[in-house]
Amino acid sequence: MAVAFAPQGSLIAAGLNNGSIQFWSSRTGQVEGRVLTGHHGRVQTIAFSPNASLLASGSKDHTVMVWDVQSQTARGKPLYGHRHEVTKVAFSPHGTLLASASLDSTVRMWDVKSQLAKGEPLIHYDELFAGHIRPVKCVAFSPSGALLASGSTDHTIQLWDIKSQSARATPLGSHQKAVTSLAFSPDGALLASGSEDKEIRIW
């Protein structure tokens, strides 16, 4: 099960094993609205946009979907492109971009406004940012939105410059097992990584 709080904290979303998504009120504990259906496999990851108007979901069915939170309907078609299950989705701080990581060893970037309904990725990271050689487990935007970090089962962390669409320096690679979580500090100066090697590292 994947869970996420809306930024304002009043709403909780959960992605379920049957491919559906449900909302709850964090204040009352009651179900909010209807069950969202569209995925054909377990929902692995969900994320609210910064203003909580959208919810993104990634599934074992290899697709990413974006939902309008107020109307509780799918916004556009499913986003196809990954060749394996989606492990993580993340909105940029301004909510204009959506990143998705997958077991197909790629990270893909989606333009939320202009390309959402087309089902096409904005940037093919497997061609442009071919940095990981094994499944990608996590992604995180820096607070400014200028950088994207990705962590993989190849034990490395890649930093990508969004504007120039290029790798930033060499991969960070001192973990002994898969990198499973990433988080930037509020000022963007530090990056924390968690790994299956039971260590947390600060970069």
N, C-alpha and C. Protein backbone atom coordinates (compact mmCIF):
# COMPACT_ATOMS: atom_id res chain seq x y z
N MET A 1 0.84 -1.20 0.00
CA MET A 1 0.00 0.00 0.00
C MET A 1 0.88 1.25 0.00
N ALA A 2 0.47 2.23 -0.79
CA ALA A 2 1.17 3.52 -0.83
C ALA A 2 0.28 4.58 -0.20
N VAL A 3 0.82 5.43 0.65
CA VAL A 3 0.03 6.47 1.30
C VAL A 3 0.72 7.82 1.16
N ALA A 4 -0.09 8.89 1.18
CA ALA A 4 0.46 10.25 1.10
C ALA A 4 -0.51 11.23 1.74
N PHE A 5 0.03 12.18 2.48
CA PHE A 5 -0.74 13.30 3.00
C PHE A 5 -0.77 14.40 1.95
N ALA A 6 -1.91 15.08 1.82
CA ALA A 6 -1.96 16.31 1.04
C ALA A 6 -1.13 17.36 1.77
N PRO A 7 -0.52 18.30 1.05
CA PRO A 7 0.34 19.30 1.70
C PRO A 7 -0.32 20.04 2.86
N GLN A 8 -1.61 20.30 2.76
CA GLN A 8 -2.29 21.01 3.84
C GLN A 8 -2.61 20.10 5.03
N GLY A 9 -2.47 18.79 4.83
CA GLY A 9 -2.64 17.85 5.93
C GLY A 9 -4.05 17.40 6.22
N SER A 10 -5.03 17.87 5.47
CA SER A 10 -6.42 17.53 5.77
C SER A 10 -6.90 16.28 5.04
N LEU A 11 -6.12 15.81 4.08
CA LEU A 11 -6.54 14.69 3.25
C LEU A 11 -5.42 13.66 3.16
N ILE A 12 -5.81 12.39 3.23
CA ILE A 12 -4.87 11.28 3.07
C ILE A 12 -5.32 10.46 1.87
N ALA A 13 -4.37 10.09 1.03
CA ALA A 13 -4.67 9.21 -0.10
C ALA A 13 -3.91 7.90 0.09
N ALA A 14 -4.52 6.82 -0.37
CA ALA A 14 -3.89 5.50 -0.30
C ALA A 14 -4.06 4.78 -1.62
N GLY A 15 -2.96 4.23 -2.13
CA GLY A 15 -3.00 3.38 -3.31
C GLY A 15 -3.03 1.94 -2.87
N LEU A 16 -3.96 1.17 -3.41
CA LEU A 16 -4.23 -0.17 -2.90
C LEU A 16 -3.71 -1.26 -3.83
N ASN A 17 -3.66 -2.46 -3.29
CA ASN A 17 -3.14 -3.60 -4.06
C ASN A 17 -4.00 -3.96 -5.25
N ASN A 18 -5.28 -3.61 -5.21
CA ASN A 18 -6.18 -3.93 -6.32
C ASN A 18 -6.15 -2.89 -7.44
N GLY A 19 -5.25 -1.91 -7.33
CA GLY A 19 -5.11 -0.90 -8.37
C GLY A 19 -5.96 0.34 -8.17
N SER A 20 -6.70 0.40 -7.08
CA SER A 20 -7.57 1.55 -6.84
C SER A 20 -6.91 2.53 -5.87
N ILE A 21 -7.51 3.72 -5.75
CA ILE A 21 -7.03 4.77 -4.85
C ILE A 21 -8.22 5.30 -4.06
N GLN A 22 -8.01 5.52 -2.76
CA GLN A 22 -9.08 6.00 -1.89
C GLN A 22 -8.57 7.18 -1.07
N PHE A 23 -9.47 8.13 -0.79
CA PHE A 23 -9.16 9.29 0.04
C PHE A 23 -9.85 9.17 1.40
N TRP A 24 -9.18 9.71 2.43
CA TRP A 24 -9.77 9.81 3.76
C TRP A 24 -9.52 11.20 4.31
N SER A 25 -10.43 11.66 5.17
CA SER A 25 -10.22 12.89 5.91
C SER A 25 -9.32 12.59 7.10
N SER A 26 -8.24 13.35 7.26
CA SER A 26 -7.35 13.13 8.39
C SER A 26 -7.97 13.62 9.70
N ARG A 27 -8.98 14.47 9.60
CA ARG A 27 -9.63 15.01 10.80
C ARG A 27 -10.67 14.05 11.35
N THR A 28 -11.47 13.47 10.46
CA THR A 28 -12.58 12.62 10.90
C THR A 28 -12.30 11.13 10.74
N GLY A 29 -11.34 10.79 9.89
CA GLY A 29 -11.08 9.39 9.61
C GLY A 29 -12.08 8.76 8.66
N GLN A 30 -12.96 9.58 8.11
CA GLN A 30 -14.00 9.08 7.22
C GLN A 30 -13.53 9.08 5.76
N VAL A 31 -14.08 8.15 4.99
CA VAL A 31 -13.78 8.09 3.57
C VAL A 31 -14.28 9.36 2.89
N GLU A 32 -13.47 9.90 1.98
CA GLU A 32 -13.84 11.10 1.23
C GLU A 32 -14.05 10.74 -0.23
N GLY A 33 -15.24 10.97 -0.73
CA GLY A 33 -15.51 10.76 -2.15
C GLY A 33 -15.54 9.30 -2.55
N ARG A 34 -15.23 9.07 -3.81
CA ARG A 34 -15.37 7.73 -4.37
C ARG A 34 -14.00 7.07 -4.57
N VAL A 35 -14.04 5.80 -4.85
CA VAL A 35 -12.82 5.05 -5.16
C VAL A 35 -12.38 5.36 -6.59
N LEU A 36 -11.11 5.68 -6.77
CA LEU A 36 -10.57 5.96 -8.10
C LEU A 36 -10.06 4.66 -8.72
N THR A 37 -10.51 4.38 -9.91
CA THR A 37 -10.07 3.17 -10.61
C THR A 37 -9.52 3.54 -11.98
N GLY A 38 -8.53 2.80 -12.42
CA GLY A 38 -7.90 3.07 -13.71
C GLY A 38 -6.67 2.22 -13.93
N HIS A 39 -5.96 1.92 -12.85
CA HIS A 39 -4.80 1.05 -12.94
C HIS A 39 -5.24 -0.41 -13.00
N HIS A 40 -4.40 -1.23 -13.61
CA HIS A 40 -4.68 -2.66 -13.73
C HIS A 40 -3.65 -3.49 -12.97
N GLY A 41 -3.08 -2.89 -11.97
CA GLY A 41 -2.11 -3.57 -11.12
C GLY A 41 -1.93 -2.77 -9.84
N ARG A 42 -1.24 -3.34 -8.87
CA ARG A 42 -1.04 -2.70 -7.58
C ARG A 42 -0.48 -1.29 -7.74
N VAL A 43 -1.03 -0.35 -6.97
CA VAL A 43 -0.51 1.02 -6.95
C VAL A 43 0.70 1.05 -6.01
N GLN A 44 1.86 1.34 -6.58
CA GLN A 44 3.12 1.26 -5.84
C GLN A 44 3.50 2.58 -5.15
N THR A 45 3.05 3.69 -5.72
CA THR A 45 3.49 5.00 -5.26
C THR A 45 2.46 6.06 -5.61
N ILE A 46 2.27 7.02 -4.73
CA ILE A 46 1.38 8.15 -4.99
C ILE A 46 2.03 9.42 -4.45
N ALA A 47 1.65 10.57 -5.02
CA ALA A 47 2.18 11.85 -4.57
C ALA A 47 1.21 12.96 -4.93
N PHE A 48 0.97 13.87 -3.99
CA PHE A 48 0.17 15.06 -4.26
C PHE A 48 1.05 16.13 -4.90
N SER A 49 0.44 16.95 -5.75
CA SER A 49 1.12 18.14 -6.26
C SER A 49 1.25 19.14 -5.12
N PRO A 50 2.15 20.12 -5.22
CA PRO A 50 2.37 21.06 -4.12
C PRO A 50 1.11 21.80 -3.67
N ASN A 51 0.20 22.11 -4.60
CA ASN A 51 -1.03 22.80 -4.21
C ASN A 51 -2.18 21.84 -3.93
N ALA A 52 -1.90 20.55 -3.94
CA ALA A 52 -2.87 19.49 -3.62
C ALA A 52 -4.02 19.38 -4.61
N SER A 53 -3.91 20.02 -5.77
CA SER A 53 -4.99 19.92 -6.75
C SER A 53 -4.92 18.63 -7.56
N LEU A 54 -3.72 18.03 -7.62
CA LEU A 54 -3.52 16.81 -8.40
C LEU A 54 -2.90 15.72 -7.54
N LEU A 55 -3.17 14.49 -7.92
CA LEU A 55 -2.52 13.33 -7.32
C LEU A 55 -1.95 12.47 -8.43
N ALA A 56 -0.69 12.11 -8.32
CA ALA A 56 -0.07 11.20 -9.30
C ALA A 56 0.05 9.82 -8.68
N SER A 57 -0.08 8.81 -9.52
CA SER A 57 0.05 7.43 -9.05
C SER A 57 0.86 6.62 -10.04
N GLY A 58 1.67 5.71 -9.52
CA GLY A 58 2.45 4.80 -10.35
C GLY A 58 2.12 3.38 -9.97
N SER A 59 2.07 2.50 -10.96
CA SER A 59 1.54 1.16 -10.72
C SER A 59 2.44 0.05 -11.24
N LYS A 60 2.11 -1.14 -10.77
CA LYS A 60 2.77 -2.34 -11.26
C LYS A 60 2.41 -2.60 -12.72
N ASP A 61 1.36 -1.92 -13.22
CA ASP A 61 0.96 -2.10 -14.63
C ASP A 61 1.81 -1.27 -15.59
N HIS A 62 2.89 -0.65 -15.08
CA HIS A 62 3.88 0.11 -15.87
C HIS A 62 3.43 1.53 -16.20
N THR A 63 2.27 1.97 -15.73
CA THR A 63 1.75 3.29 -16.10
C THR A 63 1.78 4.27 -14.94
N VAL A 64 1.72 5.54 -15.31
CA VAL A 64 1.54 6.65 -14.37
C VAL A 64 0.20 7.29 -14.70
N MET A 65 -0.56 7.64 -13.67
CA MET A 65 -1.82 8.36 -13.89
C MET A 65 -1.83 9.61 -13.03
N VAL A 66 -2.52 10.64 -13.51
CA VAL A 66 -2.69 11.88 -12.75
C VAL A 66 -4.18 12.11 -12.57
N TRP A 67 -4.56 12.45 -11.34
CA TRP A 67 -5.96 12.59 -10.97
C TRP A 67 -6.24 14.00 -10.49
N ASP A 68 -7.42 14.51 -10.83
CA ASP A 68 -7.90 15.78 -10.29
C ASP A 68 -8.51 15.49 -8.93
N VAL A 69 -7.94 16.06 -7.88
CA VAL A 69 -8.37 15.73 -6.52
C VAL A 69 -9.79 16.21 -6.24
N GLN A 70 -10.14 17.41 -6.72
CA GLN A 70 -11.47 17.94 -6.44
C GLN A 70 -12.58 17.14 -7.12
N SER A 71 -12.41 16.86 -8.40
CA SER A 71 -13.44 16.12 -9.12
C SER A 71 -13.28 14.61 -8.98
N GLN A 72 -12.11 14.19 -8.50
CA GLN A 72 -11.78 12.77 -8.32
C GLN A 72 -11.97 11.99 -9.62
N THR A 73 -11.40 12.54 -10.67
CA THR A 73 -11.42 11.90 -11.99
C THR A 73 -10.00 11.92 -12.57
N ALA A 74 -9.75 11.01 -13.49
CA ALA A 74 -8.45 10.97 -14.16
C ALA A 74 -8.30 12.19 -15.04
N ARG A 75 -7.11 12.78 -15.03
CA ARG A 75 -6.83 13.92 -15.88
C ARG A 75 -6.02 13.43 -17.07
N GLY A 76 -6.68 13.27 -18.19
CA GLY A 76 -6.01 12.75 -19.37
C GLY A 76 -5.88 11.24 -19.33
N LYS A 77 -5.10 10.71 -20.25
CA LYS A 77 -4.91 9.28 -20.38
C LYS A 77 -3.76 8.81 -19.48
N PRO A 78 -3.68 7.51 -19.23
CA PRO A 78 -2.51 7.00 -18.52
C PRO A 78 -1.23 7.35 -19.29
N LEU A 79 -0.16 7.58 -18.57
CA LEU A 79 1.12 7.93 -19.16
C LEU A 79 1.93 6.66 -19.37
N TYR A 80 2.07 6.28 -20.64
CA TYR A 80 2.81 5.07 -20.99
C TYR A 80 4.25 5.42 -21.36
N GLY A 81 5.14 4.49 -21.18
CA GLY A 81 6.53 4.69 -21.54
C GLY A 81 7.45 3.75 -20.79
N HIS A 82 7.14 3.50 -19.53
CA HIS A 82 7.95 2.55 -18.76
C HIS A 82 7.68 1.13 -19.22
N ARG A 83 8.71 0.31 -19.16
CA ARG A 83 8.61 -1.09 -19.58
C ARG A 83 8.53 -2.05 -18.40
N HIS A 84 8.47 -1.49 -17.20
CA HIS A 84 8.34 -2.32 -15.99
C HIS A 84 7.58 -1.49 -14.96
N GLU A 85 7.33 -2.08 -13.80
CA GLU A 85 6.51 -1.40 -12.81
C GLU A 85 7.13 -0.08 -12.35
N VAL A 86 6.26 0.87 -12.05
CA VAL A 86 6.68 2.19 -11.59
C VAL A 86 6.87 2.14 -10.08
N THR A 87 8.01 2.61 -9.61
CA THR A 87 8.35 2.50 -8.20
C THR A 87 8.19 3.80 -7.42
N LYS A 88 8.25 4.93 -8.11
CA LYS A 88 8.17 6.21 -7.40
C LYS A 88 7.72 7.31 -8.34
N VAL A 89 6.86 8.19 -7.85
CA VAL A 89 6.49 9.41 -8.58
C VAL A 89 6.73 10.61 -7.67
N ALA A 90 7.08 11.75 -8.27
CA ALA A 90 7.33 12.96 -7.50
C ALA A 90 7.06 14.18 -8.36
N PHE A 91 6.33 15.15 -7.81
CA PHE A 91 6.11 16.43 -8.47
C PHE A 91 7.27 17.37 -8.17
N SER A 92 7.58 18.23 -9.14
CA SER A 92 8.54 19.30 -8.89
C SER A 92 7.92 20.31 -7.92
N PRO A 93 8.74 21.13 -7.24
CA PRO A 93 8.21 22.08 -6.26
C PRO A 93 7.16 23.03 -6.82
N HIS A 94 7.23 23.36 -8.09
CA HIS A 94 6.26 24.26 -8.70
C HIS A 94 5.08 23.51 -9.31
N GLY A 95 5.13 22.19 -9.29
CA GLY A 95 4.03 21.38 -9.79
C GLY A 95 3.92 21.28 -11.29
N THR A 96 4.91 21.76 -12.02
CA THR A 96 4.84 21.75 -13.49
C THR A 96 5.41 20.48 -14.10
N LEU A 97 6.27 19.79 -13.37
CA LEU A 97 6.89 18.56 -13.86
C LEU A 97 6.58 17.41 -12.92
N LEU A 98 6.55 16.22 -13.50
CA LEU A 98 6.35 15.00 -12.72
C LEU A 98 7.43 14.00 -13.12
N ALA A 99 8.14 13.48 -12.16
CA ALA A 99 9.16 12.46 -12.42
C ALA A 99 8.64 11.10 -11.99
N SER A 100 9.00 10.08 -12.75
CA SER A 100 8.63 8.71 -12.39
C SER A 100 9.84 7.80 -12.54
N ALA A 101 10.03 6.93 -11.54
CA ALA A 101 11.12 5.95 -11.55
C ALA A 101 10.53 4.57 -11.74
N SER A 102 11.34 3.67 -12.31
CA SER A 102 10.81 2.35 -12.65
C SER A 102 11.87 1.26 -12.51
N LEU A 103 11.37 0.03 -12.40
CA LEU A 103 12.26 -1.12 -12.39
C LEU A 103 12.90 -1.36 -13.75
N ASP A 104 12.49 -0.59 -14.78
CA ASP A 104 13.12 -0.72 -16.09
C ASP A 104 14.45 0.05 -16.17
N SER A 105 14.91 0.55 -15.02
CA SER A 105 16.19 1.26 -14.88
C SER A 105 16.16 2.69 -15.41
N THR A 106 14.98 3.23 -15.65
CA THR A 106 14.88 4.59 -16.18
C THR A 106 14.11 5.50 -15.23
N VAL A 107 14.35 6.79 -15.43
CA VAL A 107 13.55 7.85 -14.84
C VAL A 107 12.97 8.64 -15.99
N ARG A 108 11.69 8.94 -15.93
CA ARG A 108 11.06 9.72 -16.99
C ARG A 108 10.46 10.99 -16.41
N MET A 109 10.50 12.04 -17.23
CA MET A 109 9.97 13.33 -16.84
C MET A 109 8.75 13.65 -17.69
N TRP A 110 7.70 14.13 -17.03
CA TRP A 110 6.45 14.44 -17.72
C TRP A 110 6.08 15.89 -17.49
N ASP A 111 5.67 16.57 -18.55
CA ASP A 111 5.19 17.95 -18.46
C ASP A 111 3.71 17.89 -18.08
N VAL A 112 3.40 18.29 -16.88
CA VAL A 112 2.05 18.11 -16.35
C VAL A 112 1.02 18.88 -17.16
N LYS A 113 1.34 20.10 -17.56
CA LYS A 113 0.34 20.94 -18.23
C LYS A 113 0.14 20.57 -19.69
N SER A 114 1.20 20.50 -20.46
CA SER A 114 1.04 20.38 -21.91
C SER A 114 1.04 18.96 -22.44
N GLN A 115 1.61 18.02 -21.72
CA GLN A 115 1.74 16.67 -22.28
C GLN A 115 0.99 15.61 -21.49
N LEU A 116 0.26 16.02 -20.52
CA LEU A 116 -0.41 15.05 -19.67
C LEU A 116 -1.37 14.18 -20.46
N ALA A 117 -2.16 14.78 -21.33
CA ALA A 117 -3.19 14.03 -22.04
C ALA A 117 -2.64 13.23 -23.21
N LYS A 118 -1.39 13.48 -23.59
CA LYS A 118 -0.82 12.81 -24.76
C LYS A 118 -0.21 11.45 -24.44
N GLY A 119 0.02 11.19 -23.20
CA GLY A 119 0.61 9.92 -22.83
C GLY A 119 2.04 9.74 -23.29
N GLU A 120 2.76 10.86 -23.51
CA GLU A 120 4.14 10.79 -23.98
C GLU A 120 5.06 11.46 -22.98
N PRO A 121 6.25 10.89 -22.73
CA PRO A 121 7.19 11.52 -21.82
C PRO A 121 7.82 12.77 -22.41
N LEU A 122 8.09 13.74 -21.57
CA LEU A 122 8.77 14.96 -22.02
C LEU A 122 10.23 14.67 -22.35
N ILE A 123 10.87 13.89 -21.49
CA ILE A 123 12.28 13.56 -21.68
C ILE A 123 12.44 12.06 -21.49
N HIS A 124 13.10 11.41 -22.42
CA HIS A 124 13.41 9.99 -22.29
C HIS A 124 14.72 9.86 -21.52
N TYR A 125 14.65 9.59 -20.24
CA TYR A 125 15.86 9.52 -19.44
C TYR A 125 16.70 8.29 -19.79
N ASP A 126 16.07 7.25 -20.35
CA ASP A 126 16.87 6.09 -20.72
C ASP A 126 17.77 6.41 -21.90
N GLU A 127 17.43 7.42 -22.69
CA GLU A 127 18.27 7.86 -23.80
C GLU A 127 19.14 9.05 -23.40
N LEU A 128 18.55 9.99 -22.69
CA LEU A 128 19.25 11.23 -22.37
C LEU A 128 20.04 11.12 -21.08
N PHE A 129 19.41 10.55 -20.07
CA PHE A 129 20.04 10.42 -18.76
C PHE A 129 20.26 8.95 -18.45
N ALA A 130 21.05 8.28 -19.25
CA ALA A 130 21.27 6.83 -19.09
C ALA A 130 22.29 6.60 -17.99
N GLY A 131 21.92 6.92 -16.76
CA GLY A 131 22.87 6.86 -15.68
C GLY A 131 22.83 5.59 -14.86
N HIS A 132 21.67 4.96 -14.73
CA HIS A 132 21.56 3.77 -13.90
C HIS A 132 21.57 2.51 -14.76
N ILE A 133 22.16 1.46 -14.21
CA ILE A 133 22.23 0.20 -14.95
C ILE A 133 21.31 -0.85 -14.34
N ARG A 134 20.62 -0.49 -13.26
CA ARG A 134 19.68 -1.40 -12.61
C ARG A 134 18.43 -0.62 -12.23
N PRO A 135 17.40 -1.32 -11.72
CA PRO A 135 16.13 -0.66 -11.39
C PRO A 135 16.30 0.59 -10.52
N VAL A 136 15.50 1.61 -10.82
CA VAL A 136 15.49 2.85 -10.05
C VAL A 136 14.37 2.78 -9.02
N LYS A 137 14.71 3.02 -7.77
CA LYS A 137 13.75 2.85 -6.68
C LYS A 137 13.16 4.16 -6.17
N CYS A 138 13.85 5.29 -6.38
CA CYS A 138 13.36 6.53 -5.79
C CYS A 138 13.86 7.74 -6.56
N VAL A 139 13.09 8.82 -6.47
CA VAL A 139 13.47 10.11 -7.05
C VAL A 139 13.05 11.22 -6.10
N ALA A 140 13.75 12.34 -6.16
CA ALA A 140 13.40 13.50 -5.34
C ALA A 140 13.89 14.77 -6.02
N PHE A 141 13.04 15.79 -6.07
CA PHE A 141 13.42 17.10 -6.58
C PHE A 141 14.06 17.92 -5.47
N SER A 142 15.02 18.76 -5.83
CA SER A 142 15.55 19.74 -4.88
C SER A 142 14.48 20.80 -4.64
N PRO A 143 14.54 21.52 -3.52
CA PRO A 143 13.52 22.53 -3.22
C PRO A 143 13.35 23.59 -4.30
N SER A 144 14.42 23.92 -5.01
CA SER A 144 14.33 24.91 -6.09
C SER A 144 13.78 24.33 -7.37
N GLY A 145 13.78 23.01 -7.48
CA GLY A 145 13.35 22.35 -8.70
C GLY A 145 14.42 22.28 -9.76
N ALA A 146 15.64 22.73 -9.44
CA ALA A 146 16.72 22.74 -10.43
C ALA A 146 17.37 21.38 -10.60
N LEU A 147 17.31 20.55 -9.56
CA LEU A 147 17.96 19.24 -9.59
C LEU A 147 16.95 18.13 -9.33
N LEU A 148 17.25 16.97 -9.90
CA LEU A 148 16.50 15.76 -9.60
C LEU A 148 17.51 14.70 -9.17
N ALA A 149 17.26 14.08 -8.03
CA ALA A 149 18.11 12.98 -7.57
C ALA A 149 17.38 11.67 -7.79
N SER A 150 18.12 10.63 -8.18
CA SER A 150 17.54 9.31 -8.36
C SER A 150 18.43 8.27 -7.70
N GLY A 151 17.79 7.28 -7.06
CA GLY A 151 18.52 6.21 -6.38
C GLY A 151 18.16 4.87 -6.96
N SER A 152 19.13 3.97 -7.03
CA SER A 152 18.95 2.72 -7.77
C SER A 152 19.44 1.50 -7.00
N THR A 153 19.03 0.33 -7.49
CA THR A 153 19.56 -0.91 -6.94
C THR A 153 21.00 -1.15 -7.38
N ASP A 154 21.54 -0.28 -8.24
CA ASP A 154 22.96 -0.37 -8.58
C ASP A 154 23.84 0.30 -7.53
N HIS A 155 23.19 0.71 -6.39
CA HIS A 155 23.85 1.27 -5.21
C HIS A 155 24.23 2.74 -5.38
N THR A 156 23.88 3.36 -6.49
CA THR A 156 24.31 4.73 -6.74
C THR A 156 23.16 5.73 -6.68
N ILE A 157 23.56 6.99 -6.55
CA ILE A 157 22.65 8.13 -6.62
C ILE A 157 23.12 9.01 -7.77
N GLN A 158 22.19 9.38 -8.63
CA GLN A 158 22.50 10.27 -9.74
C GLN A 158 21.84 11.63 -9.48
N LEU A 159 22.56 12.69 -9.78
CA LEU A 159 22.01 14.04 -9.73
C LEU A 159 21.90 14.58 -11.14
N TRP A 160 20.71 15.06 -11.48
CA TRP A 160 20.44 15.55 -12.83
C TRP A 160 20.09 17.03 -12.79
N ASP A 161 20.68 17.79 -13.70
CA ASP A 161 20.35 19.20 -13.86
C ASP A 161 19.16 19.30 -14.80
N ILE A 162 18.04 19.78 -14.29
CA ILE A 162 16.81 19.80 -15.08
C ILE A 162 16.92 20.76 -16.27
N LYS A 163 17.53 21.92 -16.06
CA LYS A 163 17.59 22.92 -17.13
C LYS A 163 18.46 22.46 -18.29
N SER A 164 19.65 21.97 -17.99
CA SER A 164 20.57 21.54 -19.05
C SER A 164 20.34 20.10 -19.48
N GLN A 165 19.51 19.38 -18.73
CA GLN A 165 19.21 17.98 -19.04
C GLN A 165 20.48 17.14 -19.12
N SER A 166 21.32 17.30 -18.11
CA SER A 166 22.58 16.56 -18.09
C SER A 166 22.89 16.10 -16.67
N ALA A 167 23.76 15.10 -16.58
CA ALA A 167 24.18 14.60 -15.28
C ALA A 167 25.03 15.66 -14.57
N ARG A 168 24.85 15.75 -13.29
CA ARG A 168 25.60 16.71 -12.47
C ARG A 168 26.73 15.96 -11.77
N ALA A 169 27.95 16.13 -12.24
CA ALA A 169 29.13 15.47 -11.67
C ALA A 169 29.02 13.95 -11.79
N THR A 170 29.78 13.25 -10.98
CA THR A 170 29.80 11.79 -11.04
C THR A 170 28.76 11.21 -10.09
N PRO A 171 28.34 9.96 -10.29
CA PRO A 171 27.36 9.35 -9.39
C PRO A 171 27.90 9.27 -7.96
N LEU A 172 26.99 9.38 -7.00
CA LEU A 172 27.35 9.21 -5.60
C LEU A 172 27.19 7.73 -5.28
N GLY A 173 28.27 7.06 -4.89
CA GLY A 173 28.20 5.61 -4.80
C GLY A 173 28.92 4.97 -3.66
N SER A 174 28.53 5.24 -2.41
CA SER A 174 29.18 4.58 -1.28
C SER A 174 28.26 3.59 -0.56
N HIS A 175 26.99 3.50 -0.98
CA HIS A 175 26.11 2.50 -0.38
C HIS A 175 26.50 1.11 -0.88
N GLN A 176 26.23 0.11 -0.06
CA GLN A 176 26.58 -1.27 -0.39
C GLN A 176 25.39 -2.06 -0.95
N LYS A 177 24.20 -1.49 -0.84
CA LYS A 177 23.01 -2.13 -1.38
C LYS A 177 22.12 -1.07 -2.03
N ALA A 178 20.92 -1.47 -2.42
CA ALA A 178 20.01 -0.59 -3.15
C ALA A 178 19.69 0.68 -2.37
N VAL A 179 19.66 1.80 -3.08
CA VAL A 179 19.22 3.08 -2.51
C VAL A 179 17.70 3.14 -2.66
N THR A 180 16.99 3.28 -1.55
CA THR A 180 15.54 3.16 -1.56
C THR A 180 14.80 4.45 -1.24
N SER A 181 15.49 5.45 -0.70
CA SER A 181 14.81 6.71 -0.39
C SER A 181 15.79 7.87 -0.45
N LEU A 182 15.26 9.04 -0.84
CA LEU A 182 16.06 10.25 -0.97
C LEU A 182 15.27 11.44 -0.45
N ALA A 183 15.96 12.40 0.17
CA ALA A 183 15.29 13.62 0.62
C ALA A 183 16.30 14.76 0.68
N PHE A 184 15.95 15.90 0.08
CA PHE A 184 16.77 17.10 0.17
C PHE A 184 16.43 17.86 1.45
N SER A 185 17.42 18.56 2.00
CA SER A 185 17.17 19.48 3.11
C SER A 185 16.36 20.66 2.59
N PRO A 186 15.65 21.38 3.46
CA PRO A 186 14.81 22.50 3.01
C PRO A 186 15.55 23.55 2.19
N ASP A 187 16.84 23.77 2.48
CA ASP A 187 17.60 24.77 1.72
C ASP A 187 18.28 24.17 0.49
N GLY A 188 18.14 22.87 0.28
CA GLY A 188 18.71 22.22 -0.90
C GLY A 188 20.20 21.97 -0.84
N ALA A 189 20.83 22.30 0.28
CA ALA A 189 22.29 22.15 0.38
C ALA A 189 22.72 20.72 0.66
N LEU A 190 21.84 19.94 1.27
CA LEU A 190 22.17 18.57 1.65
C LEU A 190 21.18 17.59 1.04
N LEU A 191 21.65 16.37 0.83
CA LEU A 191 20.80 15.29 0.34
C LEU A 191 21.00 14.08 1.24
N ALA A 192 19.90 13.53 1.75
CA ALA A 192 19.96 12.33 2.58
C ALA A 192 19.52 11.13 1.75
N SER A 193 20.19 10.01 1.94
CA SER A 193 19.83 8.78 1.24
C SER A 193 19.70 7.63 2.22
N GLY A 194 18.68 6.80 2.00
CA GLY A 194 18.49 5.59 2.79
C GLY A 194 18.67 4.38 1.90
N SER A 195 19.19 3.30 2.48
CA SER A 195 19.56 2.15 1.67
C SER A 195 19.22 0.84 2.38
N GLU A 196 19.13 -0.22 1.58
CA GLU A 196 18.94 -1.55 2.13
C GLU A 196 20.17 -2.03 2.90
N ASP A 197 21.27 -1.27 2.83
CA ASP A 197 22.45 -1.62 3.63
C ASP A 197 22.32 -1.15 5.07
N LYS A 198 21.12 -0.62 5.42
CA LYS A 198 20.77 -0.18 6.77
C LYS A 198 21.51 1.08 7.19
N GLU A 199 21.95 1.85 6.20
CA GLU A 199 22.65 3.09 6.50
C GLU A 199 21.94 4.29 5.88
N ILE A 200 22.05 5.42 6.55
CA ILE A 200 21.60 6.71 6.02
C ILE A 200 22.84 7.56 5.81
N ARG A 201 22.94 8.13 4.64
CA ARG A 201 24.10 8.97 4.33
C ARG A 201 23.66 10.38 3.98
N ILE A 202 24.49 11.35 4.35
CA ILE A 202 24.24 12.76 4.06
C ILE A 202 25.30 13.23 3.07
N TRP A 203 24.85 13.87 2.01
CA TRP A 203 25.76 14.31 0.94
C TRP A 203 25.75 15.84 0.86
